[in-house]
Amino acid sequence: MNDQRNTFGAVAAEYDAVRPYYPDELFEDLADVVGGAAQRVLEIGCGSGQATAGLLGRGWEVVALDPSAELIALAQARLSAVEFHVDQFETFAPEPAGFRLVASAQAWHWIDPAVSFPKAASALQPGGWLAVFGHVPSSPPPKVLAVLEPIYAEIAPDLWRPPPQAWYLPEGPVRELFDASGLFGPVLQKAYTWTERVTATGFVRQLRTRSDYNVIAQKRRDRLLFEVERALAPLGELSLRNETHLYLAQLRS
């Protein structure tokens, strides 16, 4: 798990270029419970700022951390108003009861829930909120699956499975982990559906930023992605459906 977690710095520039941002509606829904400008927010696993920008856009005071110095540097270059820290949540020392919201986009699954939920609770003000959210790509269209399946069967059958992001689906463990912590009230869950259009090259660029691809041998990875791009290119621009899933709960009094 740690091997995968630590792969992102090596692909930081590509990550910053191709990773999608988060729906405006999600931040509007957070604002309904968090409140207006000047509320303090702690973001866990900010990457190069894909969700940070949305938090900052609500007028909140954002403290953000990520273990990758390379990703933090890219985020800092674009979002100078944020207080950034290069650190893992496990070793970071947030101000006790200092935040109205603790948020984590596409990063909560890296942290042991025995640590993540209690530490988030200790960082929240009374009545504060924890928001966990992530993108999940839907299964590609049948014509895409038809050309990809034989390539993966030959080169990387271990990667022909639901992506790591599936952790954030409603049938995944997120709601159960909230409940098991005993620290938060009822979990509010909402899904936001959106579509992106990408070329074969763009599709492969996104795969190059995935942790499960970056822990396999480079020679095999390069061969796989070369064949994927070559097979998809004749299909032209691809329309891919995605869902962003939000889990939101208030700290118990």
Protein backbone atom coordinates (compact mmCIF):
# COMPACT_ATOMS: atom_id res chain seq x y z
CA MET A 1 0.00 0.00 0.00
CA ASN A 2 2.77 2.45 0.90
CA ASP A 3 4.58 1.60 -2.35
CA GLN A 4 1.50 2.69 -4.29
CA ARG A 5 0.93 5.74 -2.11
CA ASN A 6 4.44 7.01 -2.82
CA THR A 7 4.34 6.78 -6.62
CA PHE A 8 2.70 10.12 -7.33
CA GLY A 9 5.73 12.36 -6.91
CA ALA A 10 7.48 10.63 -9.81
CA VAL A 11 4.60 11.56 -12.14
CA ALA A 12 3.75 14.90 -10.56
CA ALA A 13 3.79 17.02 -13.73
CA GLU A 14 1.56 14.58 -15.59
CA TYR A 15 -0.72 14.23 -12.56
CA ASP A 16 -1.13 18.00 -12.44
CA ALA A 17 -1.83 18.19 -16.18
CA VAL A 18 -4.45 15.45 -16.54
CA ARG A 19 -6.12 14.72 -13.21
CA PRO A 20 -9.69 16.12 -13.26
CA TYR A 21 -10.99 18.78 -10.93
CA TYR A 22 -14.15 18.34 -8.83
CA PRO A 23 -17.72 19.43 -9.61
CA ASP A 24 -18.73 22.91 -8.47
CA GLU A 25 -21.95 21.39 -7.09
CA LEU A 26 -19.93 19.39 -4.58
CA PHE A 27 -18.43 22.53 -3.06
CA GLU A 28 -21.83 24.21 -3.04
CA ASP A 29 -23.16 21.27 -1.03
CA LEU A 30 -20.23 21.51 1.38
CA ALA A 31 -20.87 25.24 1.81
CA ASP A 32 -24.46 24.49 2.85
CA VAL A 33 -23.15 22.87 6.03
CA VAL A 34 -19.74 24.49 6.50
CA GLY A 35 -20.83 28.09 6.09
CA GLY A 36 -19.41 31.11 4.32
CA ALA A 37 -16.06 32.78 3.97
CA ALA A 38 -13.31 32.59 6.59
CA GLN A 39 -14.21 29.10 7.85
CA ARG A 40 -11.04 27.06 8.42
CA VAL A 41 -10.61 23.88 6.37
CA LEU A 42 -8.01 21.12 6.62
CA GLU A 43 -7.45 19.15 3.41
CA ILE A 44 -5.79 15.74 3.59
CA GLY A 45 -3.89 14.51 0.52
CA CYS A 46 -4.24 17.60 -1.65
CA GLY A 47 -2.13 16.38 -4.57
CA SER A 48 -1.44 19.32 -6.88
CA GLY A 49 -4.62 21.12 -5.83
CA GLN A 50 -7.49 19.60 -7.79
CA ALA A 51 -9.88 19.90 -4.83
CA THR A 52 -7.95 22.65 -3.06
CA ALA A 53 -8.98 25.14 -5.71
CA GLY A 54 -12.65 24.39 -5.07
CA LEU A 55 -12.25 24.78 -1.30
CA LEU A 56 -10.39 28.04 -1.71
CA GLY A 57 -13.05 29.27 -4.11
CA ARG A 58 -15.61 29.25 -1.30
CA GLY A 59 -13.59 31.85 0.57
CA TRP A 60 -12.38 29.40 3.19
CA GLU A 61 -8.99 29.48 4.90
CA VAL A 62 -7.34 26.28 3.72
CA VAL A 63 -4.53 24.28 5.29
CA ALA A 64 -3.52 21.44 2.95
CA LEU A 65 -1.04 18.60 3.18
CA ASP A 66 0.35 15.90 0.96
CA PRO A 67 3.35 13.57 1.33
CA SER A 68 4.69 14.48 -2.13
CA ALA A 69 6.93 17.55 -2.21
CA GLU A 70 6.68 17.55 -6.00
CA LEU A 71 2.88 17.78 -5.96
CA ILE A 72 2.89 20.41 -3.21
CA ALA A 73 5.28 22.56 -5.25
CA LEU A 74 2.88 22.50 -8.20
CA ALA A 75 -0.08 23.35 -5.97
CA GLN A 76 1.81 26.22 -4.31
CA ALA A 77 2.65 27.75 -7.68
CA ARG A 78 -1.04 28.10 -8.47
CA LEU A 79 -2.67 28.57 -5.04
CA SER A 80 -0.49 30.89 -3.03
CA ALA A 81 -3.22 31.71 -0.48
CA VAL A 82 -3.16 28.15 0.93
CA GLU A 83 -0.99 27.02 3.85
CA PHE A 84 0.69 23.89 2.47
CA HIS A 85 2.58 21.18 4.34
CA VAL A 86 4.62 18.28 2.97
CA ASP A 87 3.55 15.57 5.38
CA GLN A 88 1.42 12.48 5.85
CA PHE A 89 -1.72 12.84 7.93
CA GLU A 90 -0.43 10.13 10.25
CA THR A 91 2.49 12.34 11.34
CA PHE A 92 0.95 15.79 10.88
CA ALA A 93 -0.11 17.68 14.02
CA PRO A 94 -3.25 19.70 13.23
CA GLU A 95 -4.48 22.35 15.62
CA PRO A 96 -6.89 20.63 18.04
CA ALA A 97 -10.49 21.67 17.39
CA GLY A 98 -9.16 24.16 14.86
CA PHE A 99 -11.24 23.44 11.77
CA ARG A 100 -14.84 23.62 10.64
CA LEU A 101 -14.21 21.04 7.89
CA VAL A 102 -11.74 18.24 7.31
CA ALA A 103 -11.82 17.18 3.66
CA SER A 104 -10.06 14.48 1.68
CA ALA A 105 -10.34 14.01 -2.07
CA GLN A 106 -9.17 10.70 -3.50
CA ALA A 107 -6.76 10.12 -0.61
CA TRP A 108 -8.67 8.78 2.41
CA HIS A 109 -8.21 5.17 1.34
CA TRP A 110 -4.44 5.45 1.90
CA ILE A 111 -4.81 6.03 5.65
CA ASP A 112 -5.51 3.44 8.33
CA PRO A 113 -9.08 4.16 9.55
CA ALA A 114 -7.92 3.55 13.11
CA VAL A 115 -5.87 6.73 12.64
CA SER A 116 -7.78 8.77 10.08
CA PHE A 117 -11.18 9.10 11.73
CA PRO A 118 -10.03 9.83 15.30
CA LYS A 119 -7.42 12.31 14.09
CA ALA A 120 -9.96 14.09 11.89
CA ALA A 121 -12.38 14.24 14.82
CA SER A 122 -9.73 15.78 17.08
CA ALA A 123 -9.01 18.47 14.47
CA LEU A 124 -12.67 19.48 14.14
CA GLN A 125 -14.46 22.19 16.05
CA PRO A 126 -17.66 21.14 17.86
CA GLY A 127 -20.25 20.64 15.15
CA GLY A 128 -17.58 20.36 12.46
CA TRP A 129 -17.79 18.12 9.40
CA LEU A 130 -15.72 15.42 7.72
CA ALA A 131 -16.01 15.15 3.92
CA VAL A 132 -14.51 12.22 2.02
CA PHE A 133 -14.91 12.16 -1.74
CA GLY A 134 -13.45 10.67 -4.90
CA HIS A 135 -13.88 10.20 -8.62
CA VAL A 136 -14.85 6.79 -9.96
CA PRO A 137 -14.64 6.15 -13.73
CA SER A 138 -17.54 4.13 -15.07
CA SER A 139 -16.84 1.10 -17.21
CA PRO A 140 -15.78 2.27 -20.70
CA PRO A 141 -18.14 1.77 -23.65
CA PRO A 142 -18.32 -1.77 -25.09
CA LYS A 143 -16.30 -0.83 -28.17
CA VAL A 144 -13.46 0.34 -25.92
CA LEU A 145 -13.60 -2.78 -23.74
CA ALA A 146 -13.54 -4.97 -26.85
CA VAL A 147 -10.21 -3.59 -28.02
CA LEU A 148 -8.63 -3.38 -24.57
CA GLU A 149 -9.48 -6.76 -23.08
CA PRO A 150 -7.12 -8.86 -25.27
CA ILE A 151 -4.27 -6.43 -24.64
CA TYR A 152 -4.65 -6.68 -20.88
CA ALA A 153 -5.12 -10.45 -21.06
CA GLU A 154 -1.73 -10.74 -22.73
CA ILE A 155 0.30 -8.09 -20.91
CA ALA A 156 -1.32 -7.17 -17.59
CA PRO A 157 -4.23 -9.40 -16.52
CA ASP A 158 -3.64 -8.23 -12.95
CA LEU A 159 -4.78 -4.74 -13.97
CA TRP A 160 -7.98 -5.90 -15.69
CA ARG A 161 -10.23 -5.26 -12.70
CA PRO A 162 -12.16 -2.41 -11.08
CA PRO A 163 -9.85 0.58 -10.53
CA PRO A 164 -8.68 1.56 -7.04
CA GLN A 165 -11.13 4.45 -7.19
CA ALA A 166 -13.99 1.93 -6.86
CA TRP A 167 -13.32 2.19 -3.10
CA TYR A 168 -15.49 5.33 -3.21
CA LEU A 169 -18.56 3.65 -4.70
CA PRO A 170 -21.66 3.31 -2.46
CA GLU A 171 -21.07 -0.44 -2.24
CA GLY A 172 -17.54 0.25 -1.01
CA PRO A 173 -16.46 0.61 2.64
CA VAL A 174 -16.64 4.37 3.19
CA ARG A 175 -20.01 4.64 4.91
CA GLU A 176 -19.30 1.57 7.04
CA LEU A 177 -15.96 3.04 8.16
CA PHE A 178 -17.64 6.29 9.20
CA ASP A 179 -20.19 4.36 11.22
CA ALA A 180 -17.61 2.02 12.75
CA SER A 181 -15.60 4.96 14.08
CA GLY A 182 -18.50 5.97 16.34
CA LEU A 183 -17.33 9.58 16.09
CA PHE A 184 -19.70 10.99 13.49
CA GLY A 185 -23.42 11.30 12.95
CA PRO A 186 -25.40 9.91 10.02
CA VAL A 187 -23.51 9.90 6.74
CA LEU A 188 -24.90 11.97 3.89
CA GLN A 189 -23.95 10.51 0.51
CA LYS A 190 -24.30 12.17 -2.88
CA ALA A 191 -23.12 11.34 -6.39
CA TYR A 192 -22.26 13.78 -9.16
CA THR A 193 -22.18 12.42 -12.70
CA TRP A 194 -20.09 14.03 -15.42
CA THR A 195 -18.55 13.16 -18.77
CA GLU A 196 -15.13 13.88 -20.19
CA ARG A 197 -13.97 13.61 -23.78
CA VAL A 198 -10.44 12.35 -24.29
CA THR A 199 -8.28 11.10 -27.11
CA ALA A 200 -6.37 7.81 -26.90
CA THR A 201 -3.33 9.82 -25.85
CA GLY A 202 -5.28 11.58 -23.11
CA PHE A 203 -6.66 8.29 -21.85
CA VAL A 204 -3.17 6.83 -21.58
CA ARG A 205 -1.83 9.96 -19.89
CA GLN A 206 -4.38 9.46 -17.12
CA LEU A 207 -3.39 5.81 -16.75
CA ARG A 208 0.23 6.90 -16.32
CA THR A 209 -0.74 8.70 -13.10
CA ARG A 210 -2.45 5.69 -11.50
CA SER A 211 -0.63 4.13 -8.58
CA ASP A 212 -1.46 0.53 -9.52
CA TYR A 213 0.18 1.06 -12.93
CA ASN A 214 3.26 2.67 -11.43
CA VAL A 215 4.15 -0.22 -9.14
CA ILE A 216 4.51 -2.70 -12.01
CA ALA A 217 7.80 -3.03 -13.93
CA GLN A 218 8.42 -0.09 -16.23
CA LYS A 219 9.09 -2.23 -19.29
CA ARG A 220 5.74 -4.01 -18.91
CA ARG A 221 3.93 -0.75 -18.16
CA ASP A 222 5.39 0.99 -21.20
CA ARG A 223 4.49 -1.91 -23.47
CA LEU A 224 0.94 -2.04 -22.10
CA LEU A 225 0.31 1.68 -22.52
CA PHE A 226 1.83 1.74 -26.00
CA GLU A 227 -0.54 -1.01 -27.11
CA VAL A 228 -3.53 0.63 -25.41
CA GLU A 229 -2.92 3.94 -27.16
CA ARG A 230 -2.36 2.27 -30.53
CA ALA A 231 -5.57 0.23 -30.22
CA LEU A 232 -7.73 3.17 -29.13
CA ALA A 233 -6.45 5.73 -31.62
CA PRO A 234 -8.71 4.56 -34.51
CA LEU A 235 -11.79 5.10 -32.31
CA GLY A 236 -11.23 8.86 -32.25
CA GLU A 237 -12.31 10.97 -29.30
CA LEU A 238 -13.77 8.93 -26.45
CA SER A 239 -16.70 9.99 -24.29
CA LEU A 240 -16.15 8.58 -20.79
CA ARG A 241 -18.65 8.72 -17.94
CA ASN A 242 -17.48 9.42 -14.40
CA GLU A 243 -19.06 9.72 -10.98
CA THR A 244 -17.81 11.71 -8.01
CA HIS A 245 -19.03 10.33 -4.69
CA LEU A 246 -19.21 12.48 -1.56
CA TYR A 247 -19.57 11.18 2.00
CA LEU A 248 -20.26 13.86 4.60
CA ALA A 249 -20.91 13.55 8.32
CA GLN A 250 -20.95 15.83 11.34
CA LEU A 251 -18.84 15.32 14.44
CA ARG A 252 -20.88 13.89 17.29
CA SER A 253 -21.25 16.17 20.31
